[in-house]
C-alpha atoms as a PDB file:
ATOM      1  CA  UNK A   1      84.112 133.788  40.023  1.00  0.00           C
ATOM      2  CA  UNK A   2      87.704 134.770  40.719  1.00  0.00           C
ATOM      3  CA  UNK A   3      89.128 134.431  44.208  1.00  0.00           C
ATOM      4  CA  UNK A   4      89.436 137.656  46.120  1.00  0.00           C
ATOM      5  CA  UNK A   5      92.867 139.315  46.061  1.00  0.00           C
ATOM      6  CA  UNK A   6      93.436 139.781  49.771  1.00  0.00           C
ATOM      7  CA  UNK A   7      96.800 141.492  49.302  1.00  0.00           C
ATOM      8  CA  UNK A   8      95.289 144.669  47.882  1.00  0.00           C
ATOM      9  CA  UNK A   9      93.065 146.364  50.462  1.00  0.00           C
ATOM     10  CA  UNK A  10      92.718 143.179  52.508  1.00  0.00           C
ATOM     11  CA  UNK A  11      89.285 142.740  54.023  1.00  0.00           C
ATOM     12  CA  UNK A  12      89.053 141.201  57.438  1.00  0.00           C
ATOM     13  CA  UNK A  13      86.799 140.514  60.367  1.00  0.00           C
ATOM     14  CA  UNK A  14      89.616 140.640  62.864  1.00  0.00           C
ATOM     15  CA  UNK A  15      87.499 141.838  65.763  1.00  0.00           C
ATOM     16  CA  UNK A  16      85.956 138.508  66.779  1.00  0.00           C
ATOM     17  CA  UNK A  17      89.189 137.129  68.214  1.00  0.00           C
ATOM     18  CA  UNK A  18      90.068 140.293  70.119  1.00  0.00           C
ATOM     19  CA  UNK A  19      89.998 139.859  73.883  1.00  0.00           C
ATOM     20  CA  UNK A  20      88.542 143.354  74.253  1.00  0.00           C
ATOM     21  CA  UNK A  21      85.638 142.381  71.964  1.00  0.00           C
ATOM     22  CA  UNK A  22      85.004 139.217  73.989  1.00  0.00           C
ATOM     23  CA  UNK A  23      85.036 141.224  77.230  1.00  0.00           C
ATOM     24  CA  UNK A  24      82.657 143.765  75.670  1.00  0.00           C
ATOM     25  CA  UNK A  25      80.288 140.933  74.759  1.00  0.00           C
ATOM     26  CA  UNK A  26      80.306 139.741  78.386  1.00  0.00           C
ATOM     27  CA  UNK A  27      79.655 143.283  79.619  1.00  0.00           C
ATOM     28  CA  UNK A  28      76.736 143.590  77.218  1.00  0.00           C
ATOM     29  CA  UNK A  29      75.237 140.279  78.403  1.00  0.00           C
ATOM     30  CA  UNK A  30      75.532 141.297  82.060  1.00  0.00           C
ATOM     31  CA  UNK A  31      74.182 144.784  81.431  1.00  0.00           C
ATOM     32  CA  UNK A  32      71.179 143.565  79.488  1.00  0.00           C
ATOM     33  CA  UNK A  33      70.237 141.271  82.368  1.00  0.00           C
ATOM     34  CA  UNK A  34      71.041 143.894  85.009  1.00  0.00           C
ATOM     35  CA  UNK A  35      69.018 146.687  83.400  1.00  0.00           C
ATOM     36  CA  UNK A  36      66.009 144.458  82.741  1.00  0.00           C
ATOM     37  CA  UNK A  37      66.098 142.945  86.238  1.00  0.00           C
ATOM     38  CA  UNK A  38      67.067 145.731  88.646  1.00  0.00           C
ATOM     39  CA  UNK A  39      65.885 148.970  87.097  1.00  0.00           C
ATOM     40  CA  UNK A  40      62.201 149.903  87.340  1.00  0.00           C
ATOM     41  CA  UNK A  41      60.192 149.456  84.157  1.00  0.00           C
ATOM     42  CA  UNK A  42      59.988 152.707  82.225  1.00  0.00           C
ATOM     43  CA  UNK A  43      63.286 154.032  83.631  1.00  0.00           C
ATOM     44  CA  UNK A  44      65.239 155.707  80.825  1.00  0.00           C
ATOM     45  CA  UNK A  45      68.443 154.338  82.313  1.00  0.00           C
ATOM     46  CA  UNK A  46      67.486 150.853  81.077  1.00  0.00           C
ATOM     47  CA  UNK A  47      67.864 151.850  77.433  1.00  0.00           C
ATOM     48  CA  UNK A  48      70.863 154.073  78.145  1.00  0.00           C
ATOM     49  CA  UNK A  49      72.816 151.336  79.894  1.00  0.00           C
ATOM     50  CA  UNK A  50      71.963 148.690  77.308  1.00  0.00           C
ATOM     51  CA  UNK A  51      72.845 151.045  74.448  1.00  0.00           C
ATOM     52  CA  UNK A  52      76.132 152.084  76.082  1.00  0.00           C
ATOM     53  CA  UNK A  53      77.100 148.415  76.554  1.00  0.00           C
ATOM     54  CA  UNK A  54      76.023 147.628  72.994  1.00  0.00           C
ATOM     55  CA  UNK A  55      77.980 150.576  71.643  1.00  0.00           C
ATOM     56  CA  UNK A  56      81.091 149.442  73.513  1.00  0.00           C
ATOM     57  CA  UNK A  57      80.868 146.162  71.604  1.00  0.00           C
ATOM     58  CA  UNK A  58      79.367 147.061  68.239  1.00  0.00           C
ATOM     59  CA  UNK A  59      81.726 149.963  67.595  1.00  0.00           C
ATOM     60  CA  UNK A  60      84.700 147.630  67.946  1.00  0.00           C
ATOM     61  CA  UNK A  61      83.226 145.370  65.266  1.00  0.00           C
ATOM     62  CA  UNK A  62      82.341 148.219  62.945  1.00  0.00           C
ATOM     63  CA  UNK A  63      85.603 150.062  63.592  1.00  0.00           C
ATOM     64  CA  UNK A  64      87.823 147.087  62.902  1.00  0.00           C
ATOM     65  CA  UNK A  65      85.966 146.238  59.686  1.00  0.00           C
ATOM     66  CA  UNK A  66      85.872 149.873  58.545  1.00  0.00           C
ATOM     67  CA  UNK A  67      89.576 150.112  59.337  1.00  0.00           C
ATOM     68  CA  UNK A  68      90.278 148.079  56.224  1.00  0.00           C
ATOM     69  CA  UNK A  69      89.507 151.164  54.169  1.00  0.00           C
ATOM     70  CA  UNK A  70      89.452 154.064  56.624  1.00  0.00           C
ATOM     71  CA  UNK A  71      91.790 154.359  59.588  1.00  0.00           C
ATOM     72  CA  UNK A  72      90.127 157.662  60.472  1.00  0.00           C
ATOM     73  CA  UNK A  73      86.712 155.993  60.773  1.00  0.00           C
ATOM     74  CA  UNK A  74      88.248 153.075  62.647  1.00  0.00           C
ATOM     75  CA  UNK A  75      89.817 155.333  65.265  1.00  0.00           C
ATOM     76  CA  UNK A  76      86.613 157.350  65.650  1.00  0.00           C
ATOM     77  CA  UNK A  77      84.534 154.217  66.197  1.00  0.00           C
ATOM     78  CA  UNK A  78      87.015 152.669  68.630  1.00  0.00           C
ATOM     79  CA  UNK A  79      87.042 155.901  70.589  1.00  0.00           C
ATOM     80  CA  UNK A  80      83.223 155.899  70.578  1.00  0.00           C
ATOM     81  CA  UNK A  81      83.343 152.375  72.037  1.00  0.00           C
ATOM     82  CA  UNK A  82      85.719 153.640  74.723  1.00  0.00           C
ATOM     83  CA  UNK A  83      83.475 156.602  75.548  1.00  0.00           C
ATOM     84  CA  UNK A  84      80.403 154.395  75.747  1.00  0.00           C
ATOM     85  CA  UNK A  85      82.056 152.138  78.312  1.00  0.00           C
ATOM     86  CA  UNK A  86      83.034 155.153  80.398  1.00  0.00           C
ATOM     87  CA  UNK A  87      79.371 156.194  80.320  1.00  0.00           C
ATOM     88  CA  UNK A  88      78.311 152.697  81.382  1.00  0.00           C
ATOM     89  CA  UNK A  89      80.889 152.695  84.187  1.00  0.00           C
ATOM     90  CA  UNK A  90      79.384 155.880  85.584  1.00  0.00           C
ATOM     91  CA  UNK A  91      75.865 154.419  85.330  1.00  0.00           C
ATOM     92  CA  UNK A  92      76.894 151.404  87.412  1.00  0.00           C
ATOM     93  CA  UNK A  93      78.707 153.626  89.923  1.00  0.00           C
ATOM     94  CA  UNK A  94      75.644 155.889  90.175  1.00  0.00           C
ATOM     95  CA  UNK A  95      73.407 152.868  90.717  1.00  0.00           C
ATOM     96  CA  UNK A  96      75.533 151.723  93.648  1.00  0.00           C
ATOM     97  CA  UNK A  97      75.856 155.234  95.085  1.00  0.00           C
ATOM     98  CA  UNK A  98      72.176 156.185  94.924  1.00  0.00           C
ATOM     99  CA  UNK A  99      71.072 152.930  96.529  1.00  0.00           C
ATOM    100  CA  UNK A 100      73.669 152.961  99.291  1.00  0.00           C
ATOM    101  CA  UNK A 101      75.311 149.809  97.953  1.00  0.00           C
ATOM    102  CA  UNK A 102      78.987 149.013  98.215  1.00  0.00           C
ATOM    103  CA  UNK A 103      81.362 149.763  95.357  1.00  0.00           C
ATOM    104  CA  UNK A 104      84.155 147.262  95.833  1.00  0.00           C
ATOM    105  CA  UNK A 105      87.599 148.744  96.355  1.00  0.00           C
ATOM    106  CA  UNK A 106      90.374 147.343  94.158  1.00  0.00           C
ATOM    107  CA  UNK A 107      91.939 145.658  97.186  1.00  0.00           C
ATOM    108  CA  UNK A 108      88.677 144.084  98.354  1.00  0.00           C
ATOM    109  CA  UNK A 109      88.970 140.298  98.276  1.00  0.00           C
ATOM    110  CA  UNK A 110      85.771 140.021  96.203  1.00  0.00           C
ATOM    111  CA  UNK A 111      87.251 142.408  93.666  1.00  0.00           C
ATOM    112  CA  UNK A 112      90.477 140.406  93.434  1.00  0.00           C
ATOM    113  CA  UNK A 113      88.546 137.155  93.069  1.00  0.00           C
ATOM    114  CA  UNK A 114      86.364 138.657  90.332  1.00  0.00           C
ATOM    115  CA  UNK A 115      89.373 140.077  88.468  1.00  0.00           C
ATOM    116  CA  UNK A 116      91.073 136.687  88.503  1.00  0.00           C
ATOM    117  CA  UNK A 117      87.953 134.978  87.208  1.00  0.00           C
ATOM    118  CA  UNK A 118      87.394 137.594  84.514  1.00  0.00           C
ATOM    119  CA  UNK A 119      90.980 137.262  83.245  1.00  0.00           C
ATOM    120  CA  UNK A 120      90.353 133.701  82.098  1.00  0.00           C
ATOM    121  CA  UNK A 121      86.626 133.619  81.300  1.00  0.00           C
ATOM    122  CA  UNK A 122      85.153 135.285  78.250  1.00  0.00           C
ATOM    123  CA  UNK A 123      81.979 133.347  77.519  1.00  0.00           C
ATOM    124  CA  UNK A 124      78.988 135.682  77.877  1.00  0.00           C
ATOM    125  CA  UNK A 125      76.697 132.729  78.623  1.00  0.00           C
ATOM    126  CA  UNK A 126      78.749 131.927  81.739  1.00  0.00           C
ATOM    127  CA  UNK A 127      78.258 135.486  82.975  1.00  0.00           C
ATOM    128  CA  UNK A 128      74.538 135.465  82.163  1.00  0.00           C
ATOM    129  CA  UNK A 129      74.079 132.380  84.296  1.00  0.00           C
ATOM    130  CA  UNK A 130      76.380 133.563  87.079  1.00  0.00           C
ATOM    131  CA  UNK A 131      74.692 136.926  87.559  1.00  0.00           C
ATOM    132  CA  UNK A 132      71.278 135.290  87.854  1.00  0.00           C
ATOM    133  CA  UNK A 133      72.578 133.825  91.118  1.00  0.00           C
ATOM    134  CA  UNK A 134      73.912 137.182  92.405  1.00  0.00           C
ATOM    135  CA  UNK A 135      72.236 140.277  93.789  1.00  0.00           C
ATOM    136  CA  UNK A 136      72.294 143.716  92.186  1.00  0.00           C
ATOM    137  CA  UNK A 137      75.313 144.945  94.183  1.00  0.00           C
ATOM    138  CA  UNK A 138      77.451 141.963  93.204  1.00  0.00           C
ATOM    139  CA  UNK A 139      76.300 142.063  89.586  1.00  0.00           C
ATOM    140  CA  UNK A 140      77.108 145.772  89.283  1.00  0.00           C
ATOM    141  CA  UNK A 141      80.556 145.168  90.779  1.00  0.00           C
ATOM    142  CA  UNK A 142      81.208 142.281  88.373  1.00  0.00           C
ATOM    143  CA  UNK A 143      80.283 144.553  85.477  1.00  0.00           C
ATOM    144  CA  UNK A 144      82.523 147.311  86.848  1.00  0.00           C
ATOM    145  CA  UNK A 145      85.397 144.849  87.160  1.00  0.00           C
ATOM    146  CA  UNK A 146      85.006 143.862  83.517  1.00  0.00           C
ATOM    147  CA  UNK A 147      84.742 147.510  82.470  1.00  0.00           C
ATOM    148  CA  UNK A 148      87.961 148.271  84.344  1.00  0.00           C
ATOM    149  CA  UNK A 149      89.622 145.460  82.383  1.00  0.00           C
ATOM    150  CA  UNK A 150      88.061 146.617  79.104  1.00  0.00           C
ATOM    151  CA  UNK A 151      89.185 150.249  79.274  1.00  0.00           C
ATOM    152  CA  UNK A 152      92.964 149.670  79.161  1.00  0.00           C
ATOM    153  CA  UNK A 153      92.410 147.059  76.429  1.00  0.00           C
ATOM    154  CA  UNK A 154      90.435 149.420  74.184  1.00  0.00           C
ATOM    155  CA  UNK A 155      92.966 152.176  74.817  1.00  0.00           C
ATOM    156  CA  UNK A 156      95.757 149.747  73.870  1.00  0.00           C
ATOM    157  CA  UNK A 157      93.890 148.783  70.702  1.00  0.00           C
ATOM    158  CA  UNK A 158      93.470 152.441  69.760  1.00  0.00           C
ATOM    159  CA  UNK A 159      97.177 153.075  70.348  1.00  0.00           C
ATOM    160  CA  UNK A 160      98.107 149.984  68.306  1.00  0.00           C
ATOM    161  CA  UNK A 161      95.958 151.083  65.385  1.00  0.00           C
ATOM    162  CA  UNK A 162      97.414 154.597  65.539  1.00  0.00           C
ATOM    163  CA  UNK A 163     100.926 153.137  65.511  1.00  0.00           C
ATOM    164  CA  UNK A 164     100.086 150.850  62.566  1.00  0.00           C
ATOM    165  CA  UNK A 165      98.749 153.835  60.654  1.00  0.00           C
ATOM    166  CA  UNK A 166     101.950 155.795  61.305  1.00  0.00           C
ATOM    167  CA  UNK A 167     104.096 152.826  60.251  1.00  0.00           C
ATOM    168  CA  UNK A 168     102.092 151.631  57.243  1.00  0.00           C
ATOM    169  CA  UNK A 169      99.896 154.523  56.187  1.00  0.00           C
ATOM    170  CA  UNK A 170      96.296 154.170  55.200  1.00  0.00           C
ATOM    171  CA  UNK A 171      94.187 153.328  52.194  1.00  0.00           C
ATOM    172  CA  UNK A 172      95.504 156.218  50.061  1.00  0.00           C
ATOM    173  CA  UNK A 173      99.084 155.011  50.410  1.00  0.00           C
ATOM    174  CA  UNK A 174      97.995 151.441  49.737  1.00  0.00           C
ATOM    175  CA  UNK A 175      96.050 152.431  46.628  1.00  0.00           C
ATOM    176  CA  UNK A 176      98.948 154.488  45.320  1.00  0.00           C
ATOM    177  CA  UNK A 177     101.457 151.683  45.894  1.00  0.00           C
ATOM    178  CA  UNK A 178      99.178 149.121  44.239  1.00  0.00           C
ATOM    179  CA  UNK A 179      98.691 151.388  41.220  1.00  0.00           C
ATOM    180  CA  UNK A 180     102.440 151.925  40.866  1.00  0.00           C
ATOM    181  CA  UNK A 181     103.038 148.178  41.130  1.00  0.00           C
ATOM    182  CA  UNK A 182     100.352 147.500  38.541  1.00  0.00           C
ATOM    183  CA  UNK A 183     101.967 149.984  36.152  1.00  0.00           C
ATOM    184  CA  UNK A 184     105.394 148.467  36.749  1.00  0.00           C
ATOM    185  CA  UNK A 185     106.999 151.486  38.466  1.00  0.00           C
END
């Protein structure tokens, strides 16, 4: 078996090291616990929140892998991830609103403390354990803090991938260049 030529249409799994993917994984872990713990059994919001959190993570993975051969598909999937997290953000905000719970202001000390923690912690297991010791209001605000960190990251990733496409082209240009090189042009 010949080794794979990774110079021609290089295949990668470059999503796993992305900070935005790690944050999305933490959001998913928190949301799964939150929805199963605080929403009444049979509530459709359980599945909606879990699926939105899952989509915000899974579409990064799929988009980055698909981007090896289709920048169009990559950008669509990354934008789907972005949209899913906006949906999840609204679900958490609605939860707090409809139950008369506090939505932490950006300048609230708890919000600042959570932001600082979230900047340097990206292990979903840590969040799963931490939220088990918190109430629903705090857990929702932790999730919202992470979502507010995620959104600029995913938007930055989308912009980066758009810029790379403009600078380097896509699979058609790569295929054409490889064919010309192979023919000696």
